[in-house]
Amino acid sequence: VKDPDLIVLDEPFADLDSDIVEGIDGALLKLKDSGFIVISH
């Protein structure tokens, strides 16, 4: 909602079920106006 150029997400998939991970990951990939960096183990 802040309409940034870049979003940095720290461990957005940690401790989540695979179907929830897939949903959140799919939502991120729909971003067209902002790049993003996912930090993940």
Full PDB file with SEQRES, HELIX, SHEET, SSBOND, CRYST1, ORIGX, SCALE, CONECT and MASTER records, all heavy atoms in Angstrom:
SEQRES   1 A   41  VAL LYS ASP PRO ASP LEU ILE VAL LEU ASP GLU PRO PHE          
SEQRES   2 A   41  ALA ASP LEU ASP SER ASP ILE VAL GLU GLY ILE ASP GLY          
SEQRES   3 A   41  ALA LEU LEU LYS LEU LYS ASP SER GLY PHE ILE VAL ILE          
SEQRES   4 A   41  SER HIS                                                      
HELIX    1 AA1 SER A   18  LEU A   29  1                                  12    
SHEET    1 AA1 2 LEU A   6  ASP A  10  0                                        
SHEET    2 AA1 2 GLY A  35  ILE A  39  1                                        
CRYST1    1.000    1.000    1.000  90.00  90.00  90.00 P 1           1          
ORIGX1      1.000000  0.000000  0.000000        0.00000                         
ORIGX2      0.000000  1.000000  0.000000        0.00000                         
ORIGX3      0.000000  0.000000  1.000000        0.00000                         
SCALE1      1.000000  0.000000  0.000000        0.00000                         
SCALE2      0.000000  1.000000  0.000000        0.00000                         
SCALE3      0.000000  0.000000  1.000000        0.00000                         
ATOM      1  N   VAL A   1       0.822  -1.209   0.000  1.00  0.00           N  
ATOM      2  CA  VAL A   1       0.000   0.000   0.000  1.00  0.00           C  
ATOM      3  C   VAL A   1       0.860   1.266   0.000  1.00  0.00           C  
ATOM      4  O   VAL A   1       0.390   2.352  -0.374  1.00  0.00           O  
ATOM      5  CB  VAL A   1      -0.976  -0.026   1.206  1.00  0.00           C  
ATOM      6  CG1 VAL A   1      -0.319   0.491   2.471  1.00  0.00           C  
ATOM      7  CG2 VAL A   1      -2.256   0.742   0.899  1.00  0.00           C  
ATOM      8  N   LYS A   2       2.120   1.124   0.379  1.00  0.00           N  
ATOM      9  CA  LYS A   2       3.051   2.264   0.367  1.00  0.00           C  
ATOM     10  C   LYS A   2       3.604   2.527  -1.037  1.00  0.00           C  
ATOM     11  O   LYS A   2       4.318   3.506  -1.243  1.00  0.00           O  
ATOM     12  CB  LYS A   2       4.219   2.005   1.329  1.00  0.00           C  
ATOM     13  CG  LYS A   2       3.814   1.821   2.772  1.00  0.00           C  
ATOM     14  CD  LYS A   2       3.259   3.088   3.376  1.00  0.00           C  
ATOM     15  CE  LYS A   2       3.008   2.900   4.867  1.00  0.00           C  
ATOM     16  NZ  LYS A   2       2.422   4.113   5.486  1.00  0.00           N  
ATOM     17  N   ASP A   3       3.291   1.620  -1.978  1.00  0.00           N  
ATOM     18  CA  ASP A   3       3.722   1.753  -3.369  1.00  0.00           C  
ATOM     19  C   ASP A   3       5.241   1.910  -3.479  1.00  0.00           C  
ATOM     20  O   ASP A   3       5.740   2.838  -4.123  1.00  0.00           O  
ATOM     21  CB  ASP A   3       3.016   2.962  -4.015  1.00  0.00           C  
ATOM     22  CG  ASP A   3       3.010   2.878  -5.533  1.00  0.00           C  
ATOM     23  OD1 ASP A   3       3.130   1.756  -6.064  1.00  0.00           O  
ATOM     24  OD2 ASP A   3       2.893   3.933  -6.185  1.00  0.00           O  
ATOM     25  N   PRO A   4       6.010   0.972  -2.889  1.00  0.00           N  
ATOM     26  CA  PRO A   4       7.475   1.108  -2.886  1.00  0.00           C  
ATOM     27  C   PRO A   4       8.097   0.615  -4.187  1.00  0.00           C  
ATOM     28  O   PRO A   4       7.462  -0.080  -4.980  1.00  0.00           O  
ATOM     29  CB  PRO A   4       7.886   0.205  -1.718  1.00  0.00           C  
ATOM     30  CG  PRO A   4       6.870  -0.901  -1.779  1.00  0.00           C  
ATOM     31  CD  PRO A   4       5.573  -0.247  -2.197  1.00  0.00           C  
ATOM     32  N   ASP A   5       9.370   0.945  -4.371  1.00  0.00           N  
ATOM     33  CA  ASP A   5      10.138   0.384  -5.486  1.00  0.00           C  
ATOM     34  C   ASP A   5      10.616  -1.026  -5.156  1.00  0.00           C  
ATOM     35  O   ASP A   5      10.792  -1.858  -6.041  1.00  0.00           O  
ATOM     36  CB  ASP A   5      11.359   1.263  -5.792  1.00  0.00           C  
ATOM     37  CG  ASP A   5      10.965   2.631  -6.315  1.00  0.00           C  
ATOM     38  OD1 ASP A   5       9.924   2.727  -6.985  1.00  0.00           O  
ATOM     39  OD2 ASP A   5      11.685   3.595  -6.030  1.00  0.00           O  
ATOM     40  N   LEU A   6      10.862  -1.277  -3.853  1.00  0.00           N  
ATOM     41  CA  LEU A   6      11.437  -2.550  -3.427  1.00  0.00           C  
ATOM     42  C   LEU A   6      10.827  -2.977  -2.102  1.00  0.00           C  
ATOM     43  O   LEU A   6      10.659  -2.171  -1.185  1.00  0.00           O  
ATOM     44  CB  LEU A   6      12.956  -2.415  -3.269  1.00  0.00           C  
ATOM     45  CG  LEU A   6      13.718  -3.645  -2.770  1.00  0.00           C  
ATOM     46  CD1 LEU A   6      13.663  -4.770  -3.794  1.00  0.00           C  
ATOM     47  CD2 LEU A   6      15.163  -3.283  -2.447  1.00  0.00           C  
ATOM     48  N   ILE A   7      10.485  -4.282  -2.018  1.00  0.00           N  
ATOM     49  CA  ILE A   7      10.003  -4.869  -0.767  1.00  0.00           C  
ATOM     50  C   ILE A   7      10.998  -5.947  -0.347  1.00  0.00           C  
ATOM     51  O   ILE A   7      11.348  -6.815  -1.147  1.00  0.00           O  
ATOM     52  CB  ILE A   7       8.603  -5.480  -0.936  1.00  0.00           C  
ATOM     53  CG1 ILE A   7       7.594  -4.404  -1.373  1.00  0.00           C  
ATOM     54  CG2 ILE A   7       8.132  -6.126   0.369  1.00  0.00           C  
ATOM     55  CD1 ILE A   7       6.208  -4.952  -1.684  1.00  0.00           C  
ATOM     56  N   VAL A   8      11.463  -5.870   0.895  1.00  0.00           N  
ATOM     57  CA  VAL A   8      12.381  -6.877   1.443  1.00  0.00           C  
ATOM     58  C   VAL A   8      11.616  -7.690   2.480  1.00  0.00           C  
ATOM     59  O   VAL A   8      11.104  -7.137   3.453  1.00  0.00           O  
ATOM     60  CB  VAL A   8      13.618  -6.223   2.088  1.00  0.00           C  
ATOM     61  CG1 VAL A   8      14.549  -7.288   2.652  1.00  0.00           C  
ATOM     62  CG2 VAL A   8      14.355  -5.347   1.081  1.00  0.00           C  
ATOM     63  N   LEU A   9      11.517  -8.996   2.259  1.00  0.00           N  
ATOM     64  CA  LEU A   9      10.751  -9.870   3.141  1.00  0.00           C  
ATOM     65  C   LEU A   9      11.684 -10.864   3.834  1.00  0.00           C  
ATOM     66  O   LEU A   9      12.378 -11.626   3.169  1.00  0.00           O  
ATOM     67  CB  LEU A   9       9.685 -10.634   2.345  1.00  0.00           C  
ATOM     68  CG  LEU A   9       8.705  -9.767   1.547  1.00  0.00           C  
ATOM     69  CD1 LEU A   9       9.067  -9.808   0.061  1.00  0.00           C  
ATOM     70  CD2 LEU A   9       7.278 -10.227   1.745  1.00  0.00           C  
ATOM     71  N   ASP A  10      11.683 -10.814   5.158  1.00  0.00           N  
ATOM     72  CA  ASP A  10      12.567 -11.674   5.951  1.00  0.00           C  
ATOM     73  C   ASP A  10      11.813 -12.933   6.363  1.00  0.00           C  
ATOM     74  O   ASP A  10      10.872 -12.874   7.167  1.00  0.00           O  
ATOM     75  CB  ASP A  10      13.036 -10.912   7.186  1.00  0.00           C  
ATOM     76  CG  ASP A  10      14.179 -11.602   7.898  1.00  0.00           C  
ATOM     77  OD1 ASP A  10      14.602 -12.681   7.445  1.00  0.00           O  
ATOM     78  OD2 ASP A  10      14.650 -11.058   8.915  1.00  0.00           O  
ATOM     79  N   GLU A  11      12.197 -14.078   5.800  1.00  0.00           N  
ATOM     80  CA  GLU A  11      11.611 -15.381   6.108  1.00  0.00           C  
ATOM     81  C   GLU A  11      10.075 -15.376   6.035  1.00  0.00           C  
ATOM     82  O   GLU A  11       9.391 -15.753   6.997  1.00  0.00           O  
ATOM     83  CB  GLU A  11      12.051 -15.847   7.509  1.00  0.00           C  
ATOM     84  CG  GLU A  11      13.536 -16.044   7.671  1.00  0.00           C  
ATOM     85  CD  GLU A  11      14.070 -17.324   7.017  1.00  0.00           C  
ATOM     86  OE1 GLU A  11      13.274 -18.032   6.386  1.00  0.00           O  
ATOM     87  OE2 GLU A  11      15.273 -17.586   7.135  1.00  0.00           O  
ATOM     88  N   PRO A  12       9.496 -14.970   4.896  1.00  0.00           N  
ATOM     89  CA  PRO A  12       8.029 -14.906   4.810  1.00  0.00           C  
ATOM     90  C   PRO A  12       7.357 -16.274   4.804  1.00  0.00           C  
ATOM     91  O   PRO A  12       6.143 -16.365   5.017  1.00  0.00           O  
ATOM     92  CB  PRO A  12       7.795 -14.183   3.480  1.00  0.00           C  
ATOM     93  CG  PRO A  12       8.998 -14.515   2.657  1.00  0.00           C  
ATOM     94  CD  PRO A  12      10.133 -14.563   3.638  1.00  0.00           C  
ATOM     95  N   PHE A  13       8.125 -17.354   4.563  1.00  0.00           N  
ATOM     96  CA  PHE A  13       7.530 -18.687   4.461  1.00  0.00           C  
ATOM     97  C   PHE A  13       7.817 -19.566   5.674  1.00  0.00           C  
ATOM     98  O   PHE A  13       7.406 -20.727   5.696  1.00  0.00           O  
ATOM     99  CB  PHE A  13       8.051 -19.390   3.201  1.00  0.00           C  
ATOM    100  CG  PHE A  13       7.900 -18.577   1.951  1.00  0.00           C  
ATOM    101  CD1 PHE A  13       8.956 -18.457   1.058  1.00  0.00           C  
ATOM    102  CD2 PHE A  13       6.726 -17.910   1.659  1.00  0.00           C  
ATOM    103  CE1 PHE A  13       8.833 -17.703  -0.098  1.00  0.00           C  
ATOM    104  CE2 PHE A  13       6.597 -17.150   0.511  1.00  0.00           C  
ATOM    105  CZ  PHE A  13       7.649 -17.042  -0.375  1.00  0.00           C  
ATOM    106  N   ALA A  14       8.517 -19.034   6.676  1.00  0.00           N  
ATOM    107  CA  ALA A  14       8.907 -19.847   7.822  1.00  0.00           C  
ATOM    108  C   ALA A  14       7.682 -20.337   8.591  1.00  0.00           C  
ATOM    109  O   ALA A  14       6.732 -19.583   8.834  1.00  0.00           O  
ATOM    110  CB  ALA A  14       9.811 -19.029   8.748  1.00  0.00           C  
ATOM    111  N   ASP A  15       7.695 -21.614   8.952  1.00  0.00           N  
ATOM    112  CA  ASP A  15       6.661 -22.228   9.803  1.00  0.00           C  
ATOM    113  C   ASP A  15       5.267 -22.202   9.191  1.00  0.00           C  
ATOM    114  O   ASP A  15       4.266 -22.214   9.920  1.00  0.00           O  
ATOM    115  CB  ASP A  15       6.616 -21.531  11.177  1.00  0.00           C  
ATOM    116  CG  ASP A  15       7.972 -21.520  11.869  1.00  0.00           C  
ATOM    117  OD1 ASP A  15       8.662 -22.550  11.813  1.00  0.00           O  
ATOM    118  OD2 ASP A  15       8.341 -20.489  12.441  1.00  0.00           O  
ATOM    119  N   LEU A  16       5.178 -22.164   7.866  1.00  0.00           N  
ATOM    120  CA  LEU A  16       3.879 -22.165   7.201  1.00  0.00           C  
ATOM    121  C   LEU A  16       3.707 -23.456   6.402  1.00  0.00           C  
ATOM    122  O   LEU A  16       4.670 -24.018   5.884  1.00  0.00           O  
ATOM    123  CB  LEU A  16       3.741 -20.961   6.265  1.00  0.00           C  
ATOM    124  CG  LEU A  16       3.764 -19.574   6.909  1.00  0.00           C  
ATOM    125  CD1 LEU A  16       3.650 -18.497   5.827  1.00  0.00           C  
ATOM    126  CD2 LEU A  16       2.654 -19.409   7.933  1.00  0.00           C  
ATOM    127  N   ASP A  17       2.463 -23.919   6.293  1.00  0.00           N  
ATOM    128  CA  ASP A  17       2.168 -25.094   5.492  1.00  0.00           C  
ATOM    129  C   ASP A  17       2.451 -24.812   4.020  1.00  0.00           C  
ATOM    130  O   ASP A  17       2.383 -23.663   3.570  1.00  0.00           O  
ATOM    131  CB  ASP A  17       0.707 -25.516   5.660  1.00  0.00           C  
ATOM    132  CG  ASP A  17       0.404 -25.991   7.073  1.00  0.00           C  
ATOM    133  OD1 ASP A  17       1.347 -26.405   7.765  1.00  0.00           O  
ATOM    134  OD2 ASP A  17      -0.774 -25.926   7.484  1.00  0.00           O  
ATOM    135  N   SER A  18       2.726 -25.860   3.255  1.00  0.00           N  
ATOM    136  CA  SER A  18       3.131 -25.707   1.854  1.00  0.00           C  
ATOM    137  C   SER A  18       2.064 -25.007   1.013  1.00  0.00           C  
ATOM    138  O   SER A  18       2.395 -24.224   0.123  1.00  0.00           O  
ATOM    139  CB  SER A  18       3.456 -27.076   1.247  1.00  0.00           C  
ATOM    140  OG  SER A  18       2.340 -27.945   1.336  1.00  0.00           O  
ATOM    141  N   ASP A  19       0.769 -25.263   1.308  1.00  0.00           N  
ATOM    142  CA  ASP A  19      -0.274 -24.609   0.517  1.00  0.00           C  
ATOM    143  C   ASP A  19      -0.329 -23.114   0.797  1.00  0.00           C  
ATOM    144  O   ASP A  19      -0.586 -22.306  -0.108  1.00  0.00           O  
ATOM    145  CB  ASP A  19      -1.639 -25.254   0.759  1.00  0.00           C  
ATOM    146  CG  ASP A  19      -2.051 -25.233   2.220  1.00  0.00           C  
ATOM    147  OD1 ASP A  19      -1.153 -25.168   3.092  1.00  0.00           O  
ATOM    148  OD2 ASP A  19      -3.265 -25.276   2.506  1.00  0.00           O  
ATOM    149  N   ILE A  20      -0.047 -22.723   2.048  1.00  0.00           N  
ATOM    150  CA  ILE A  20      -0.016 -21.294   2.394  1.00  0.00           C  
ATOM    151  C   ILE A  20       1.207 -20.640   1.754  1.00  0.00           C  
ATOM    152  O   ILE A  20       1.127 -19.526   1.230  1.00  0.00           O  
ATOM    153  CB  ILE A  20       0.004 -21.100   3.920  1.00  0.00           C  
ATOM    154  CG1 ILE A  20      -1.268 -21.684   4.540  1.00  0.00           C  
ATOM    155  CG2 ILE A  20       0.127 -19.625   4.275  1.00  0.00           C  
ATOM    156  CD1 ILE A  20      -1.278 -21.664   6.056  1.00  0.00           C  
ATOM    157  N   VAL A  21       2.346 -21.346   1.788  1.00  0.00           N  
ATOM    158  CA  VAL A  21       3.565 -20.844   1.137  1.00  0.00           C  
ATOM    159  C   VAL A  21       3.298 -20.592  -0.340  1.00  0.00           C  
ATOM    160  O   VAL A  21       3.663 -19.545  -0.887  1.00  0.00           O  
ATOM    161  CB  VAL A  21       4.728 -21.845   1.312  1.00  0.00           C  
ATOM    162  CG1 VAL A  21       5.904 -21.460   0.406  1.00  0.00           C  
ATOM    163  CG2 VAL A  21       5.178 -21.897   2.755  1.00  0.00           C  
ATOM    164  N   GLU A  22       2.644 -21.549  -0.979  1.00  0.00           N  
ATOM    165  CA  GLU A  22       2.359 -21.419  -2.409  1.00  0.00           C  
ATOM    166  C   GLU A  22       1.467 -20.216  -2.676  1.00  0.00           C  
ATOM    167  O   GLU A  22       1.679 -19.475  -3.640  1.00  0.00           O  
ATOM    168  CB  GLU A  22       1.685 -22.695  -2.915  1.00  0.00           C  
ATOM    169  CG  GLU A  22       1.480 -22.715  -4.418  1.00  0.00           C  
ATOM    170  CD  GLU A  22       0.967 -24.050  -4.915  1.00  0.00           C  
ATOM    171  OE1 GLU A  22       1.041 -25.041  -4.158  1.00  0.00           O  
ATOM    172  OE2 GLU A  22       0.513 -24.102  -6.073  1.00  0.00           O  
ATOM    173  N   GLY A  23       0.486 -19.990  -1.805  1.00  0.00           N  
ATOM    174  CA  GLY A  23      -0.415 -18.853  -1.991  1.00  0.00           C  
ATOM    175  C   GLY A  23       0.285 -17.519  -1.832  1.00  0.00           C  
ATOM    176  O   GLY A  23       0.095 -16.600  -2.631  1.00  0.00           O  
ATOM    177  N   ILE A  24       1.119 -17.404  -0.794  1.00  0.00           N  
ATOM    178  CA  ILE A  24       1.840 -16.156  -0.559  1.00  0.00           C  
ATOM    179  C   ILE A  24       2.868 -15.912  -1.658  1.00  0.00           C  
ATOM    180  O   ILE A  24       3.024 -14.797  -2.158  1.00  0.00           O  
ATOM    181  CB  ILE A  24       2.510 -16.168   0.834  1.00  0.00           C  
ATOM    182  CG1 ILE A  24       1.438 -16.137   1.929  1.00  0.00           C  
ATOM    183  CG2 ILE A  24       3.469 -14.994   0.995  1.00  0.00           C  
ATOM    184  CD1 ILE A  24       1.983 -16.233   3.338  1.00  0.00           C  
ATOM    185  N   ASP A  25       3.563 -16.973  -2.061  1.00  0.00           N  
ATOM    186  CA  ASP A  25       4.558 -16.852  -3.126  1.00  0.00           C  
ATOM    187  C   ASP A  25       3.888 -16.426  -4.430  1.00  0.00           C  
ATOM    188  O   ASP A  25       4.393 -15.571  -5.153  1.00  0.00           O  
ATOM    189  CB  ASP A  25       5.281 -18.180  -3.310  1.00  0.00           C  
ATOM    190  CG  ASP A  25       6.491 -18.056  -4.217  1.00  0.00           C  
ATOM    191  OD1 ASP A  25       7.419 -17.320  -3.856  1.00  0.00           O  
ATOM    192  OD2 ASP A  25       6.503 -18.687  -5.281  1.00  0.00           O  
ATOM    193  N   GLY A  26       2.727 -17.005  -4.718  1.00  0.00           N  
ATOM    194  CA  GLY A  26       1.988 -16.627  -5.923  1.00  0.00           C  
ATOM    195  C   GLY A  26       1.564 -15.175  -5.886  1.00  0.00           C  
ATOM    196  O   GLY A  26       1.605 -14.479  -6.908  1.00  0.00           O  
ATOM    197  N   ALA A  27       1.177 -14.706  -4.692  1.00  0.00           N  
ATOM    198  CA  ALA A  27       0.779 -13.298  -4.551  1.00  0.00           C  
ATOM    199  C   ALA A  27       1.964 -12.370  -4.813  1.00  0.00           C  
ATOM    200  O   ALA A  27       1.835 -11.346  -5.502  1.00  0.00           O  
ATOM    201  CB  ALA A  27       0.219 -13.058  -3.147  1.00  0.00           C  
ATOM    202  N   LEU A  28       3.136 -12.737  -4.293  1.00  0.00           N  
ATOM    203  CA  LEU A  28       4.325 -11.912  -4.501  1.00  0.00           C  
ATOM    204  C   LEU A  28       4.673 -11.802  -5.984  1.00  0.00           C  
ATOM    205  O   LEU A  28       5.037 -10.730  -6.480  1.00  0.00           O  
ATOM    206  CB  LEU A  28       5.513 -12.494  -3.737  1.00  0.00           C  
ATOM    207  CG  LEU A  28       5.482 -12.379  -2.212  1.00  0.00           C  
ATOM    208  CD1 LEU A  28       6.629 -13.182  -1.602  1.00  0.00           C  
ATOM    209  CD2 LEU A  28       5.557 -10.936  -1.777  1.00  0.00           C  
ATOM    210  N   LEU A  29       4.561 -12.921  -6.689  1.00  0.00           N  
ATOM    211  CA  LEU A  29       4.936 -12.930  -8.106  1.00  0.00           C  
ATOM    212  C   LEU A  29       3.976 -12.131  -8.975  1.00  0.00           C  
ATOM    213  O   LEU A  29       4.272 -11.867 -10.138  1.00  0.00           O  
ATOM    214  CB  LEU A  29       5.035 -14.376  -8.605  1.00  0.00           C  
ATOM    215  CG  LEU A  29       6.235 -15.161  -8.051  1.00  0.00           C  
ATOM    216  CD1 LEU A  29       6.129 -16.641  -8.400  1.00  0.00           C  
ATOM    217  CD2 LEU A  29       7.547 -14.585  -8.574  1.00  0.00           C  
ATOM    218  N   LYS A  30       2.828 -11.735  -8.418  1.00  0.00           N  
ATOM    219  CA  LYS A  30       1.887 -10.897  -9.161  1.00  0.00           C  
ATOM    220  C   LYS A  30       2.277  -9.417  -9.104  1.00  0.00           C  
ATOM    221  O   LYS A  30       1.708  -8.602  -9.822  1.00  0.00           O  
ATOM    222  CB  LYS A  30       0.471 -11.074  -8.609  1.00  0.00           C  
ATOM    223  CG  LYS A  30      -0.150 -12.430  -8.917  1.00  0.00           C  
ATOM    224  CD  LYS A  30      -1.553 -12.531  -8.324  1.00  0.00           C  
ATOM    225  CE  LYS A  30      -2.158 -13.896  -8.578  1.00  0.00           C  
ATOM    226  NZ  LYS A  30      -3.498 -14.030  -7.931  1.00  0.00           N  
ATOM    227  N   LEU A  31       3.219  -9.089  -8.227  1.00  0.00           N  
ATOM    228  CA  LEU A  31       3.651  -7.695  -8.129  1.00  0.00           C  
ATOM    229  C   LEU A  31       4.296  -7.265  -9.438  1.00  0.00           C  
ATOM    230  O   LEU A  31       5.208  -7.913  -9.926  1.00  0.00           O  
ATOM    231  CB  LEU A  31       4.648  -7.519  -6.982  1.00  0.00           C  
ATOM    232  CG  LEU A  31       4.119  -7.712  -5.557  1.00  0.00           C  
ATOM    233  CD1 LEU A  31       5.272  -7.638  -4.571  1.00  0.00           C  
ATOM    234  CD2 LEU A  31       3.079  -6.664  -5.228  1.00  0.00           C  
ATOM    235  N   LYS A  32       3.835  -6.172  -9.988  1.00  0.00           N  
ATOM    236  CA  LYS A  32       4.375  -5.672 -11.253  1.00  0.00           C  
ATOM    237  C   LYS A  32       5.133  -4.362 -11.077  1.00  0.00           C  
ATOM    238  O   LYS A  32       6.069  -4.072 -11.810  1.00  0.00           O  
ATOM    239  CB  LYS A  32       3.230  -5.463 -12.263  1.00  0.00           C  
ATOM    240  CG  LYS A  32       2.437  -6.727 -12.589  1.00  0.00           C  
ATOM    241  CD  LYS A  32       3.297  -7.806 -13.212  1.00  0.00           C  
ATOM    242  CE  LYS A  32       2.482  -9.040 -13.563  1.00  0.00           C  
ATOM    243  NZ  LYS A  32       3.331 -10.157 -14.048  1.00  0.00           N  
ATOM    244  N   ASP A  33       4.729  -3.560 -10.084  1.00  0.00           N  
ATOM    245  CA  ASP A  33       5.317  -2.230  -9.924  1.00  0.00           C  
ATOM    246  C   ASP A  33       6.437  -2.197  -8.889  1.00  0.00           C  
ATOM    247  O   ASP A  33       7.117  -1.183  -8.741  1.00  0.00           O  
ATOM    248  CB  ASP A  33       4.231  -1.221  -9.524  1.00  0.00           C  
ATOM    249  CG  ASP A  33       3.131  -1.123 -10.581  1.00  0.00           C  
ATOM    250  OD1 ASP A  33       3.458  -1.226 -11.776  1.00  0.00           O  
ATOM    251  OD2 ASP A  33       1.964  -0.951 -10.208  1.00  0.00           O  
ATOM    252  N   SER A  34       6.618  -3.285  -8.151  1.00  0.00           N  
ATOM    253  CA  SER A  34       7.652  -3.331  -7.118  1.00  0.00           C  
ATOM    254  C   SER A  34       8.488  -4.594  -7.277  1.00  0.00           C  
ATOM    255  O   SER A  34       7.940  -5.678  -7.494  1.00  0.00           O  
ATOM    256  CB  SER A  34       7.021  -3.339  -5.716  1.00  0.00           C  
ATOM    257  OG  SER A  34       6.172  -2.221  -5.508  1.00  0.00           O  
ATOM    258  N   GLY A  35       9.808  -4.444  -7.160  1.00  0.00           N  
ATOM    259  CA  GLY A  35      10.647  -5.619  -7.065  1.00  0.00           C  
ATOM    260  C   GLY A  35      10.628  -6.112  -5.629  1.00  0.00           C  
ATOM    261  O   GLY A  35      10.214  -5.387  -4.722  1.00  0.00           O  
ATOM    262  N   PHE A  36      11.050  -7.347  -5.410  1.00  0.00           N  
ATOM    263  CA  PHE A  36      11.105  -7.817  -4.032  1.00  0.00           C  
ATOM    264  C   PHE A  36      12.282  -8.758  -3.830  1.00  0.00           C  
ATOM    265  O   PHE A  36      12.759  -9.406  -4.758  1.00  0.00           O  
ATOM    266  CB  PHE A  36       9.789  -8.480  -3.590  1.00  0.00           C  
ATOM    267  CG  PHE A  36       9.444  -9.765  -4.288  1.00  0.00           C  
ATOM    268  CD1 PHE A  36       9.967 -10.988  -3.859  1.00  0.00           C  
ATOM    269  CD2 PHE A  36       8.561  -9.781  -5.355  1.00  0.00           C  
ATOM    270  CE1 PHE A  36       9.643 -12.170  -4.481  1.00  0.00           C  
ATOM    271  CE2 PHE A  36       8.221 -10.959  -5.987  1.00  0.00           C  
ATOM    272  CZ  PHE A  36       8.758 -12.165  -5.551  1.00  0.00           C  
ATOM    273  N   ILE A  37      12.743  -8.789  -2.579  1.00  0.00           N  
ATOM    274  CA  ILE A  37      13.815  -9.687  -2.160  1.00  0.00           C  
ATOM    275  C   ILE A  37      13.275 -10.542  -1.026  1.00  0.00           C  
ATOM    276  O   ILE A  37      12.777 -10.017  -0.028  1.00  0.00           O  
ATOM    277  CB  ILE A  37      15.048  -8.912  -1.667  1.00  0.00           C  
ATOM    278  CG1 ILE A  37      15.624  -8.026  -2.777  1.00  0.00           C  
ATOM    279  CG2 ILE A  37      16.117  -9.870  -1.165  1.00  0.00           C  
ATOM    280  CD1 ILE A  37      16.717  -7.089  -2.300  1.00  0.00           C  
ATOM    281  N   VAL A  38      13.331 -11.852  -1.195  1.00  0.00           N  
ATOM    282  CA  VAL A  38      12.918 -12.788  -0.151  1.00  0.00           C  
ATOM    283  C   VAL A  38      14.173 -13.372   0.484  1.00  0.00           C  
ATOM    284  O   VAL A  38      15.049 -13.898  -0.205  1.00  0.00           O  
ATOM    285  CB  VAL A  38      12.036 -13.919  -0.725  1.00  0.00           C  
ATOM    286  CG1 VAL A  38      11.927 -15.076   0.257  1.00  0.00           C  
ATOM    287  CG2 VAL A  38      10.654 -13.391  -1.070  1.00  0.00           C  
ATOM    288  N   ILE A  39      14.272 -13.259   1.811  1.00  0.00           N  
ATOM    289  CA  ILE A  39      15.351 -13.871   2.567  1.00  0.00           C  
ATOM    290  C   ILE A  39      14.806 -15.168   3.157  1.00  0.00           C  
ATOM    291  O   ILE A  39      13.768 -15.158   3.830  1.00  0.00           O  
ATOM    292  CB  ILE A  39      15.828 -12.949   3.714  1.00  0.00           C  
ATOM    293  CG1 ILE A  39      16.148 -11.534   3.197  1.00  0.00           C  
ATOM    294  CG2 ILE A  39      17.011 -13.557   4.438  1.00  0.00           C  
ATOM    295  CD1 ILE A  39      17.284 -11.444   2.247  1.00  0.00           C  
ATOM    296  N   SER A  40      15.462 -16.291   2.905  1.00  0.00           N  
ATOM    297  CA  SER A  40      14.897 -17.568   3.343  1.00  0.00           C  
ATOM    298  C   SER A  40      15.972 -18.606   3.650  1.00  0.00           C  
ATOM    299  O   SER A  40      17.000 -18.668   2.975  1.00  0.00           O  
ATOM    300  CB  SER A  40      13.960 -18.114   2.255  1.00  0.00           C  
ATOM    301  OG  SER A  40      13.416 -19.360   2.622  1.00  0.00           O  
ATOM    302  N   HIS A  41      15.703 -19.424   4.673  1.00  0.00           N  
ATOM    303  CA  HIS A  41      16.579 -20.576   4.940  1.00  0.00           C  
ATOM    304  C   HIS A  41      16.058 -21.811   4.206  1.00  0.00           C  
ATOM    305  O   HIS A  41      16.691 -22.854   4.223  1.00  0.00           O  
ATOM    306  CB  HIS A  41      16.660 -20.861   6.444  1.00  0.00           C  
ATOM    307  CG  HIS A  41      15.392 -21.410   7.026  1.00  0.00           C  
ATOM    308  ND1 HIS A  41      14.347 -20.601   7.419  1.00  0.00           N  
ATOM    309  CD2 HIS A  41      15.000 -22.687   7.273  1.00  0.00           C  
ATOM    310  CE1 HIS A  41      13.366 -21.363   7.886  1.00  0.00           C  
ATOM    311  NE2 HIS A  41      13.730 -22.628   7.809  1.00  0.00           N  
TER     312      HIS A  41                                                      
MASTER        0    0    0    1    2    0    0    6  311    1    0    4          
END                                                                             
